[in-house]
C-alpha atoms as a PDB file:
ATOM      1  CA  MET A   1     117.700 115.087  29.220  1.00  0.00           C
ATOM      2  CA  PRO A   2     114.812 114.589  31.680  1.00  0.00           C
ATOM      3  CA  GLU A   3     113.053 117.574  33.109  1.00  0.00           C
ATOM      4  CA  VAL A   4     113.384 117.903  36.894  1.00  0.00           C
ATOM      5  CA  LEU A   5     110.591 119.547  38.845  1.00  0.00           C
ATOM      6  CA  THR A   6     111.118 120.893  42.344  1.00  0.00           C
ATOM      7  CA  PRO A   7     108.002 121.188  44.542  1.00  0.00           C
ATOM      8  CA  ALA A   8     107.151 124.669  45.744  1.00  0.00           C
ATOM      9  CA  LYS A   9     106.964 125.291  49.459  1.00  0.00           C
ATOM     10  CA  PRO A  10     104.658 124.926  51.238  1.00  0.00           C
ATOM     11  CA  HIS A  11     103.292 121.813  49.553  1.00  0.00           C
ATOM     12  CA  TYR A  12     100.536 119.405  50.532  1.00  0.00           C
ATOM     13  CA  ALA A  13     102.057 116.363  52.255  1.00  0.00           C
ATOM     14  CA  GLY A  14      98.877 114.539  53.301  1.00  0.00           C
ATOM     15  CA  LYS A  15      97.064 111.536  51.867  1.00  0.00           C
ATOM     16  CA  VAL A  16      94.985 111.791  48.672  1.00  0.00           C
ATOM     17  CA  VAL A  17      91.850 109.746  47.936  1.00  0.00           C
ATOM     18  CA  ILE A  18      90.952 109.265  44.262  1.00  0.00           C
ATOM     19  CA  LEU A  19      87.442 108.143  43.336  1.00  0.00           C
ATOM     20  CA  VAL A  20      86.955 106.053  40.165  1.00  0.00           C
ATOM     21  CA  ASP A  21      84.070 104.060  38.679  1.00  0.00           C
ATOM     22  CA  GLU A  22      82.957 102.380  35.454  1.00  0.00           C
ATOM     23  CA  VAL A  23      82.720 105.699  33.602  1.00  0.00           C
ATOM     24  CA  SER A  24      86.318 106.730  34.450  1.00  0.00           C
ATOM     25  CA  GLN A  25      88.262 106.575  31.177  1.00  0.00           C
ATOM     26  CA  SER A  26      91.493 107.486  29.426  1.00  0.00           C
ATOM     27  CA  ARG A  27      93.363 110.235  31.273  1.00  0.00           C
ATOM     28  CA  ALA A  28      91.541 109.448  34.541  1.00  0.00           C
ATOM     29  CA  GLU A  29      92.780 105.839  34.351  1.00  0.00           C
ATOM     30  CA  TYR A  30      96.326 106.910  33.538  1.00  0.00           C
ATOM     31  CA  THR A  31      96.369 109.472  36.355  1.00  0.00           C
ATOM     32  CA  SER A  32      94.981 107.016  38.900  1.00  0.00           C
ATOM     33  CA  MET A  33      97.665 104.451  37.852  1.00  0.00           C
ATOM     34  CA  VAL A  34     100.403 106.959  38.590  1.00  0.00           C
ATOM     35  CA  PHE A  35      98.869 107.957  41.918  1.00  0.00           C
ATOM     36  CA  ARG A  36      98.348 104.287  42.845  1.00  0.00           C
ATOM     37  CA  ALA A  37     102.135 103.831  42.617  1.00  0.00           C
ATOM     38  CA  SER A  38     102.503 106.443  45.355  1.00  0.00           C
ATOM     39  CA  LEU A  39     102.263 105.599  49.027  1.00  0.00           C
ATOM     40  CA  HIS A  40     100.353 108.857  49.544  1.00  0.00           C
ATOM     41  CA  ALA A  41      97.240 107.981  47.515  1.00  0.00           C
ATOM     42  CA  ILE A  42      94.328 105.578  47.884  1.00  0.00           C
ATOM     43  CA  ILE A  43      92.141 104.616  44.912  1.00  0.00           C
ATOM     44  CA  VAL A  44      88.507 103.942  45.873  1.00  0.00           C
ATOM     45  CA  GLY A  45      85.667 102.730  43.654  1.00  0.00           C
ATOM     46  CA  SER A  46      84.805 100.145  41.046  1.00  0.00           C
ATOM     47  CA  THR A  47      86.638  98.891  37.956  1.00  0.00           C
ATOM     48  CA  THR A  48      87.189 101.615  35.355  1.00  0.00           C
ATOM     49  CA  ALA A  49      86.050 101.465  31.730  1.00  0.00           C
ATOM     50  CA  GLY A  50      89.419 100.009  30.682  1.00  0.00           C
ATOM     51  CA  GLY A  51      89.895 102.363  27.756  1.00  0.00           C
ATOM     52  CA  PHE A  52      93.514 103.199  28.518  1.00  0.00           C
ATOM     53  CA  VAL A  53      95.817 101.018  26.413  1.00  0.00           C
ATOM     54  CA  ARG A  54      99.115 102.817  25.830  1.00  0.00           C
ATOM     55  CA  CYS A  55     101.472 103.298  28.750  1.00  0.00           C
ATOM     56  CA  PRO A  56     104.202 105.776  27.819  1.00  0.00           C
ATOM     57  CA  ARG A  57     107.680 105.164  29.146  1.00  0.00           C
ATOM     58  CA  PHE A  58     108.690 107.693  31.771  1.00  0.00           C
ATOM     59  CA  SER A  59     110.238 107.852  35.189  1.00  0.00           C
ATOM     60  CA  PHE A  60     109.183 109.753  38.262  1.00  0.00           C
ATOM     61  CA  VAL A  61     110.245 110.010  41.879  1.00  0.00           C
ATOM     62  CA  LEU A  62     107.725 109.213  44.608  1.00  0.00           C
ATOM     63  CA  CYS A  63     108.226 111.502  47.575  1.00  0.00           C
END
């Protein structure tokens, strides 16, 4: 059974800018991938190190 998280109020509803570069690795790449799927985030920078290989299967709701 999937875990359901409910955002606390008040919550931040603005845009988020994420900075990445060639030394961004692993968890930073994974996190930026998830944020990139959101309409509320912009990824800025250069290509990352490319160290992230596995992509676990999960589902999430973009608010």
